[in-house]
Amino acid sequence: MYARILRKADHITRFTIRQTDAAGWEVREEQDSRVVRSARYRDWHRVERAQMVFALQAALLEDAGWTEA
Protein backbone atom coordinates (compact mmCIF):
# COMPACT_ATOMS: atom_id res chain seq x y z
CA MET A 1 0.00 0.00 0.00
CA TYR A 2 2.80 2.42 0.91
CA ALA A 3 6.52 1.75 0.77
CA ARG A 4 9.52 4.04 0.62
CA ILE A 5 13.05 2.70 0.75
CA LEU A 6 15.91 5.17 1.01
CA ARG A 7 19.61 4.42 0.85
CA LYS A 8 22.82 6.21 1.75
CA ALA A 9 26.07 4.27 1.43
CA ASP A 10 25.47 0.92 3.18
CA HIS A 11 22.48 2.14 5.18
CA ILE A 12 18.80 1.61 4.34
CA THR A 13 15.68 3.15 5.84
CA ARG A 14 12.26 1.63 5.07
CA PHE A 15 8.85 3.13 5.66
CA THR A 16 5.96 0.73 5.04
CA ILE A 17 2.22 0.65 5.59
CA ARG A 18 0.30 -2.48 4.73
CA GLN A 19 -3.16 -3.80 5.34
CA THR A 20 -2.98 -6.70 7.78
CA ASP A 21 -6.54 -7.94 7.51
CA ALA A 22 -10.00 -6.52 7.07
CA ALA A 23 -9.68 -4.67 10.37
CA GLY A 24 -6.37 -2.84 10.30
CA TRP A 25 -3.01 -1.68 9.01
CA GLU A 26 0.58 -2.19 10.11
CA VAL A 27 2.78 0.92 10.12
CA ARG A 28 6.50 0.17 10.23
CA GLU A 29 9.82 2.02 10.09
CA GLU A 30 13.09 0.13 9.79
CA GLN A 31 16.70 1.26 9.78
CA ASP A 32 19.01 -1.31 8.26
CA SER A 33 17.71 -4.56 9.77
CA ARG A 34 16.37 -2.98 12.97
CA VAL A 35 12.69 -2.14 13.52
CA VAL A 36 12.47 1.42 14.87
CA ARG A 37 8.69 1.71 14.97
CA SER A 38 5.89 -0.76 14.50
CA ALA A 39 2.22 -0.13 15.21
CA ARG A 40 -1.14 -1.53 14.19
CA TYR A 41 -4.05 0.77 13.62
CA ARG A 42 -7.74 0.21 12.96
CA ASP A 43 -8.44 3.92 12.45
CA TRP A 44 -7.67 5.08 8.91
CA HIS A 45 -7.01 8.65 10.13
CA ARG A 46 -4.08 7.43 12.23
CA VAL A 47 -2.71 5.65 9.17
CA GLU A 48 -2.98 8.88 7.16
CA ARG A 49 -1.09 10.78 9.86
CA ALA A 50 1.62 8.10 9.95
CA GLN A 51 1.96 8.33 6.17
CA MET A 52 2.36 12.12 6.38
CA VAL A 53 5.08 11.70 9.02
CA PHE A 54 6.85 9.12 6.83
CA ALA A 55 6.69 11.48 3.84
CA LEU A 56 8.23 14.28 5.92
CA GLN A 57 10.96 12.00 7.28
CA ALA A 58 11.74 10.75 3.76
CA ALA A 59 11.98 14.33 2.46
CA LEU A 60 14.41 15.22 5.24
CA LEU A 61 16.54 12.17 4.45
CA GLU A 62 16.58 13.09 0.76
CA ASP A 63 17.69 16.61 1.69
CA ALA A 64 20.54 14.97 3.61
CA GLY A 65 21.67 13.03 0.53
CA TRP A 66 19.70 9.79 0.80
CA THR A 67 18.32 8.39 -2.47
CA GLU A 68 15.31 6.25 -3.37
CA ALA A 69 16.37 2.60 -3.58
PDB file of N, CA and C in Angstrom:
ATOM      1  N   MET A   1       0.808  -1.176   0.000  1.00  0.00           N
ATOM      2  CA  MET A   1       0.000   0.000   0.000  1.00  0.00           C
ATOM      3  C   MET A   1       0.860   1.251   0.000  1.00  0.00           C
ATOM      4  N   TYR A   2       1.863   1.298   0.883  1.00  0.00           N
ATOM      5  CA  TYR A   2       2.801   2.420   0.906  1.00  0.00           C
ATOM      6  C   TYR A   2       4.167   1.862   1.264  1.00  0.00           C
ATOM      7  N   ALA A   3       5.159   2.200   0.472  1.00  0.00           N
ATOM      8  CA  ALA A   3       6.521   1.752   0.769  1.00  0.00           C
ATOM      9  C   ALA A   3       7.504   2.764   0.206  1.00  0.00           C
ATOM     10  N   ARG A   4       8.413   3.186   1.047  1.00  0.00           N
ATOM     11  CA  ARG A   4       9.522   4.037   0.619  1.00  0.00           C
ATOM     12  C   ARG A   4      10.778   3.409   1.181  1.00  0.00           C
ATOM     13  N   ILE A   5      11.764   3.240   0.332  1.00  0.00           N
ATOM     14  CA  ILE A   5      13.054   2.701   0.751  1.00  0.00           C
ATOM     15  C   ILE A   5      14.104   3.695   0.312  1.00  0.00           C
ATOM     16  N   LEU A   6      14.868   4.183   1.285  1.00  0.00           N
ATOM     17  CA  LEU A   6      15.910   5.168   1.014  1.00  0.00           C
ATOM     18  C   LEU A   6      17.259   4.588   1.402  1.00  0.00           C
ATOM     19  N   ARG A   7      18.277   4.977   0.637  1.00  0.00           N
ATOM     20  CA  ARG A   7      19.608   4.417   0.850  1.00  0.00           C
ATOM     21  C   ARG A   7      20.648   5.527   0.859  1.00  0.00           C
ATOM     22  N   LYS A   8      21.642   5.345   1.726  1.00  0.00           N
ATOM     23  CA  LYS A   8      22.821   6.207   1.752  1.00  0.00           C
ATOM     24  C   LYS A   8      23.986   5.327   2.158  1.00  0.00           C
ATOM     25  N   ALA A   9      24.938   5.184   1.245  1.00  0.00           N
ATOM     26  CA  ALA A   9      26.074   4.271   1.435  1.00  0.00           C
ATOM     27  C   ALA A   9      25.540   2.870   1.721  1.00  0.00           C
ATOM     28  N   ASP A  10      25.922   2.276   2.843  1.00  0.00           N
ATOM     29  CA  ASP A  10      25.473   0.924   3.181  1.00  0.00           C
ATOM     30  C   ASP A  10      24.252   0.912   4.096  1.00  0.00           C
ATOM     31  N   HIS A  11      23.615   2.047   4.269  1.00  0.00           N
ATOM     32  CA  HIS A  11      22.476   2.137   5.184  1.00  0.00           C
ATOM     33  C   HIS A  11      21.160   2.236   4.413  1.00  0.00           C
ATOM     34  N   ILE A  12      20.126   1.608   4.954  1.00  0.00           N
ATOM     35  CA  ILE A  12      18.801   1.610   4.343  1.00  0.00           C
ATOM     36  C   ILE A  12      17.763   1.979   5.401  1.00  0.00           C
ATOM     37  N   THR A  13      16.824   2.824   5.003  1.00  0.00           N
ATOM     38  CA  THR A  13      15.678   3.147   5.837  1.00  0.00           C
ATOM     39  C   THR A  13      14.422   2.796   5.053  1.00  0.00           C
ATOM     40  N   ARG A  14      13.519   2.043   5.701  1.00  0.00           N
ATOM     41  CA  ARG A  14      12.264   1.630   5.066  1.00  0.00           C
ATOM     42  C   ARG A  14      11.086   2.186   5.840  1.00  0.00           C
ATOM     43  N   PHE A  15      10.122   2.700   5.100  1.00  0.00           N
ATOM     44  CA  PHE A  15       8.847   3.134   5.661  1.00  0.00           C
ATOM     45  C   PHE A  15       7.776   2.315   4.950  1.00  0.00           C
ATOM     46  N   THR A  16       6.991   1.549   5.676  1.00  0.00           N
ATOM     47  CA  THR A  16       5.958   0.735   5.042  1.00  0.00           C
ATOM     48  C   THR A  16       4.637   0.820   5.805  1.00  0.00           C
ATOM     49  N   ILE A  17       3.565   0.765   5.033  1.00  0.00           N
ATOM     50  CA  ILE A  17       2.221   0.653   5.589  1.00  0.00           C
ATOM     51  C   ILE A  17       1.533  -0.420   4.766  1.00  0.00           C
ATOM     52  N   ARG A  18       0.995  -1.414   5.451  1.00  0.00           N
ATOM     53  CA  ARG A  18       0.300  -2.476   4.726  1.00  0.00           C
ATOM     54  C   ARG A  18      -0.944  -2.886   5.493  1.00  0.00           C
ATOM     55  N   GLN A  19      -1.926  -3.318   4.724  1.00  0.00           N
ATOM     56  CA  GLN A  19      -3.160  -3.796   5.344  1.00  0.00           C
ATOM     57  C   GLN A  19      -2.901  -5.190   5.891  1.00  0.00           C
ATOM     58  N   THR A  20      -3.259  -5.409   7.151  1.00  0.00           N
ATOM     59  CA  THR A  20      -2.983  -6.695   7.784  1.00  0.00           C
ATOM     60  C   THR A  20      -4.138  -7.654   7.646  1.00  0.00           C
ATOM     61  N   ASP A  21      -5.340  -7.145   7.691  1.00  0.00           N
ATOM     62  CA  ASP A  21      -6.543  -7.943   7.510  1.00  0.00           C
ATOM     63  C   ASP A  21      -7.681  -6.957   7.265  1.00  0.00           C
ATOM     64  N   ALA A  22      -8.866  -7.416   7.332  1.00  0.00           N
ATOM     65  CA  ALA A  22     -10.001  -6.525   7.071  1.00  0.00           C
ATOM     66  C   ALA A  22     -10.160  -5.445   8.135  1.00  0.00           C
ATOM     67  N   ALA A  23      -9.457  -5.581   9.257  1.00  0.00           N
ATOM     68  CA  ALA A  23      -9.683  -4.666  10.368  1.00  0.00           C
ATOM     69  C   ALA A  23      -8.504  -3.765  10.701  1.00  0.00           C
ATOM     70  N   GLY A  24      -7.454  -3.705   9.886  1.00  0.00           N
ATOM     71  CA  GLY A  24      -6.370  -2.845  10.299  1.00  0.00           C
ATOM     72  C   GLY A  24      -5.191  -2.766   9.352  1.00  0.00           C
ATOM     73  N   TRP A  25      -4.213  -1.923   9.769  1.00  0.00           N
ATOM     74  CA  TRP A  25      -3.009  -1.678   9.007  1.00  0.00           C
ATOM     75  C   TRP A  25      -1.806  -1.754   9.930  1.00  0.00           C
ATOM     76  N   GLU A  26      -0.678  -2.191   9.378  1.00  0.00           N
ATOM     77  CA  GLU A  26       0.583  -2.186  10.108  1.00  0.00           C
ATOM     78  C   GLU A  26       1.433  -1.062   9.554  1.00  0.00           C
ATOM     79  N   VAL A  27       1.920  -0.214  10.456  1.00  0.00           N
ATOM     80  CA  VAL A  27       2.780   0.916  10.124  1.00  0.00           C
ATOM     81  C   VAL A  27       4.158   0.575  10.677  1.00  0.00           C
ATOM     82  N   ARG A  28       5.181   0.653   9.813  1.00  0.00           N
ATOM     83  CA  ARG A  28       6.498   0.166  10.234  1.00  0.00           C
ATOM     84  C   ARG A  28       7.620   1.024   9.660  1.00  0.00           C
ATOM     85  N   GLU A  29       8.597   1.324  10.510  1.00  0.00           N
ATOM     86  CA  GLU A  29       9.816   2.024  10.092  1.00  0.00           C
ATOM     87  C   GLU A  29      11.004   1.154  10.486  1.00  0.00           C
ATOM     88  N   GLU A  30      11.900   0.941   9.532  1.00  0.00           N
ATOM     89  CA  GLU A  30      13.087   0.128   9.789  1.00  0.00           C
ATOM     90  C   GLU A  30      14.334   0.894   9.372  1.00  0.00           C
ATOM     91  N   GLN A  31      15.389   0.725  10.142  1.00  0.00           N
ATOM     92  CA  GLN A  31      16.698   1.260   9.784  1.00  0.00           C
ATOM     93  C   GLN A  31      17.649   0.084   9.724  1.00  0.00           C
ATOM     94  N   ASP A  32      18.214  -0.117   8.541  1.00  0.00           N
ATOM     95  CA  ASP A  32      19.012  -1.307   8.255  1.00  0.00           C
ATOM     96  C   ASP A  32      18.148  -2.526   8.585  1.00  0.00           C
ATOM     97  N   SER A  33      18.535  -3.380   9.473  1.00  0.00           N
ATOM     98  CA  SER A  33      17.712  -4.562   9.772  1.00  0.00           C
ATOM     99  C   SER A  33      16.981  -4.425  11.111  1.00  0.00           C
ATOM    100  N   ARG A  34      16.967  -3.221  11.660  1.00  0.00           N
ATOM    101  CA  ARG A  34      16.366  -2.978  12.974  1.00  0.00           C
ATOM    102  C   ARG A  34      15.019  -2.272  12.832  1.00  0.00           C
ATOM    103  N   VAL A  35      14.008  -2.773  13.526  1.00  0.00           N
ATOM    104  CA  VAL A  35      12.687  -2.142  13.523  1.00  0.00           C
ATOM    105  C   VAL A  35      12.720  -0.985  14.524  1.00  0.00           C
ATOM    106  N   VAL A  36      12.469   0.225  14.025  1.00  0.00           N
ATOM    107  CA  VAL A  36      12.473   1.418  14.865  1.00  0.00           C
ATOM    108  C   VAL A  36      11.077   1.690  15.409  1.00  0.00           C
ATOM    109  N   ARG A  37      10.077   1.448  14.569  1.00  0.00           N
ATOM    110  CA  ARG A  37       8.694   1.708  14.974  1.00  0.00           C
ATOM    111  C   ARG A  37       7.788   0.694  14.287  1.00  0.00           C
ATOM    112  N   SER A  38       6.888   0.142  15.048  1.00  0.00           N
ATOM    113  CA  SER A  38       5.893  -0.764  14.499  1.00  0.00           C
ATOM    114  C   SER A  38       4.600  -0.574  15.283  1.00  0.00           C
ATOM    115  N   ALA A  39       3.516  -0.332  14.556  1.00  0.00           N
ATOM    116  CA  ALA A  39       2.220  -0.128  15.208  1.00  0.00           C
ATOM    117  C   ALA A  39       1.133  -0.687  14.306  1.00  0.00           C
ATOM    118  N   ARG A  40       0.041  -1.086  14.932  1.00  0.00           N
ATOM    119  CA  ARG A  40      -1.142  -1.527  14.185  1.00  0.00           C
ATOM    120  C   ARG A  40      -2.284  -0.590  14.507  1.00  0.00           C
ATOM    121  N   TYR A  41      -2.941  -0.152  13.461  1.00  0.00           N
ATOM    122  CA  TYR A  41      -4.053   0.775  13.619  1.00  0.00           C
ATOM    123  C   TYR A  41      -5.303   0.214  12.972  1.00  0.00           C
ATOM    124  N   ARG A  42      -6.449   0.534  13.563  1.00  0.00           N
ATOM    125  CA  ARG A  42      -7.742   0.210  12.961  1.00  0.00           C
ATOM    126  C   ARG A  42      -8.401   1.472  12.421  1.00  0.00           C
ATOM    127  N   ASP A  43      -7.896   2.623  12.852  1.00  0.00           N
ATOM    128  CA  ASP A  43      -8.442   3.919  12.450  1.00  0.00           C
ATOM    129  C   ASP A  43      -7.651   4.453  11.252  1.00  0.00           C
ATOM    130  N   TRP A  44      -8.330   4.631  10.122  1.00  0.00           N
ATOM    131  CA  TRP A  44      -7.665   5.081   8.908  1.00  0.00           C
ATOM    132  C   TRP A  44      -7.017   6.458   9.099  1.00  0.00           C
ATOM    133  N   HIS A  45      -7.581   7.322   9.932  1.00  0.00           N
ATOM    134  CA  HIS A  45      -7.011   8.648  10.135  1.00  0.00           C
ATOM    135  C   HIS A  45      -5.632   8.575  10.782  1.00  0.00           C
ATOM    136  N   ARG A  46      -5.410   7.628  11.650  1.00  0.00           N
ATOM    137  CA  ARG A  46      -4.075   7.432  12.233  1.00  0.00           C
ATOM    138  C   ARG A  46      -3.089   6.965  11.176  1.00  0.00           C
ATOM    139  N   VAL A  47      -3.565   6.131  10.272  1.00  0.00           N
ATOM    140  CA  VAL A  47      -2.714   5.654   9.172  1.00  0.00           C
ATOM    141  C   VAL A  47      -2.330   6.831   8.272  1.00  0.00           C
ATOM    142  N   GLU A  48      -3.278   7.697   7.975  1.00  0.00           N
ATOM    143  CA  GLU A  48      -2.983   8.878   7.161  1.00  0.00           C
ATOM    144  C   GLU A  48      -1.943   9.771   7.833  1.00  0.00           C
ATOM    145  N   ARG A  49      -2.075   9.961   9.132  1.00  0.00           N
ATOM    146  CA  ARG A  49      -1.088  10.779   9.856  1.00  0.00           C
ATOM    147  C   ARG A  49       0.286  10.130   9.827  1.00  0.00           C
ATOM    148  N   ALA A  50       0.339   8.816  10.006  1.00  0.00           N
ATOM    149  CA  ALA A  50       1.617   8.102   9.954  1.00  0.00           C
ATOM    150  C   ALA A  50       2.255   8.253   8.571  1.00  0.00           C
ATOM    151  N   GLN A  51       1.439   8.185   7.522  1.00  0.00           N
ATOM    152  CA  GLN A  51       1.959   8.333   6.170  1.00  0.00           C
ATOM    153  C   GLN A  51       2.520   9.739   5.951  1.00  0.00           C
ATOM    154  N   MET A  52       1.859  10.746   6.494  1.00  0.00           N
ATOM    155  CA  MET A  52       2.364  12.120   6.384  1.00  0.00           C
ATOM    156  C   MET A  52       3.704  12.267   7.101  1.00  0.00           C
ATOM    157  N   VAL A  53       3.821  11.656   8.281  1.00  0.00           N
ATOM    158  CA  VAL A  53       5.083  11.700   9.023  1.00  0.00           C
ATOM    159  C   VAL A  53       6.180  10.996   8.225  1.00  0.00           C
ATOM    160  N   PHE A  54       5.868   9.841   7.650  1.00  0.00           N
ATOM    161  CA  PHE A  54       6.846   9.120   6.830  1.00  0.00           C
ATOM    162  C   PHE A  54       7.290   9.967   5.640  1.00  0.00           C
ATOM    163  N   ALA A  55       6.348  10.638   4.989  1.00  0.00           N
ATOM    164  CA  ALA A  55       6.690  11.484   3.837  1.00  0.00           C
ATOM    165  C   ALA A  55       7.623  12.616   4.258  1.00  0.00           C
ATOM    166  N   LEU A  56       7.370  13.216   5.408  1.00  0.00           N
ATOM    167  CA  LEU A  56       8.227  14.284   5.919  1.00  0.00           C
ATOM    168  C   LEU A  56       9.616  13.744   6.255  1.00  0.00           C
ATOM    169  N   GLN A  57       9.672  12.598   6.938  1.00  0.00           N
ATOM    170  CA  GLN A  57      10.964  12.003   7.279  1.00  0.00           C
ATOM    171  C   GLN A  57      11.744  11.646   6.013  1.00  0.00           C
ATOM    172  N   ALA A  58      11.073  11.109   5.010  1.00  0.00           N
ATOM    173  CA  ALA A  58      11.737  10.749   3.758  1.00  0.00           C
ATOM    174  C   ALA A  58      12.286  11.998   3.064  1.00  0.00           C
ATOM    175  N   ALA A  59      11.515  13.076   3.071  1.00  0.00           N
ATOM    176  CA  ALA A  59      11.978  14.326   2.458  1.00  0.00           C
ATOM    177  C   ALA A  59      13.214  14.861   3.166  1.00  0.00           C
ATOM    178  N   LEU A  60      13.234  14.763   4.486  1.00  0.00           N
ATOM    179  CA  LEU A  60      14.405  15.218   5.241  1.00  0.00           C
ATOM    180  C   LEU A  60      15.630  14.357   4.928  1.00  0.00           C
ATOM    181  N   LEU A  61      15.418  13.057   4.807  1.00  0.00           N
ATOM    182  CA  LEU A  61      16.536  12.174   4.453  1.00  0.00           C
ATOM    183  C   LEU A  61      17.052  12.496   3.052  1.00  0.00           C
ATOM    184  N   GLU A  62      16.145  12.746   2.114  1.00  0.00           N
ATOM    185  CA  GLU A  62      16.576  13.092   0.756  1.00  0.00           C
ATOM    186  C   GLU A  62      17.357  14.404   0.747  1.00  0.00           C
ATOM    187  N   ASP A  63      16.944  15.353   1.563  1.00  0.00           N
ATOM    188  CA  ASP A  63      17.691  16.610   1.686  1.00  0.00           C
ATOM    189  C   ASP A  63      19.086  16.372   2.236  1.00  0.00           C
ATOM    190  N   ALA A  64      19.237  15.303   3.022  1.00  0.00           N
ATOM    191  CA  ALA A  64      20.540  14.970   3.612  1.00  0.00           C
ATOM    192  C   ALA A  64      21.363  14.046   2.700  1.00  0.00           C
ATOM    193  N   GLY A  65      20.877  13.796   1.483  1.00  0.00           N
ATOM    194  CA  GLY A  65      21.674  13.028   0.531  1.00  0.00           C
ATOM    195  C   GLY A  65      21.248  11.589   0.336  1.00  0.00           C
ATOM    196  N   TRP A  66      20.196  11.150   0.996  1.00  0.00           N
ATOM    197  CA  TRP A  66      19.696   9.792   0.804  1.00  0.00           C
ATOM    198  C   TRP A  66      18.980   9.739  -0.542  1.00  0.00           C
ATOM    199  N   THR A  67      18.986   8.557  -1.176  1.00  0.00           N
ATOM    200  CA  THR A  67      18.321   8.388  -2.469  1.00  0.00           C
ATOM    201  C   THR A  67      17.330   7.242  -2.396  1.00  0.00           C
ATOM    202  N   GLU A  68      16.323   7.312  -3.273  1.00  0.00           N
ATOM    203  CA  GLU A  68      15.310   6.245  -3.366  1.00  0.00           C
ATOM    204  C   GLU A  68      15.995   4.971  -3.877  1.00  0.00           C
ATOM    205  N   ALA A  69      15.741   3.875  -3.183  1.00  0.00           N
ATOM    206  CA  ALA A  69      16.374   2.596  -3.578  1.00  0.00           C
ATOM    207  C   ALA A  69      15.460   1.819  -4.494  1.00  0.00           C
TER     208      ALA A  69
END
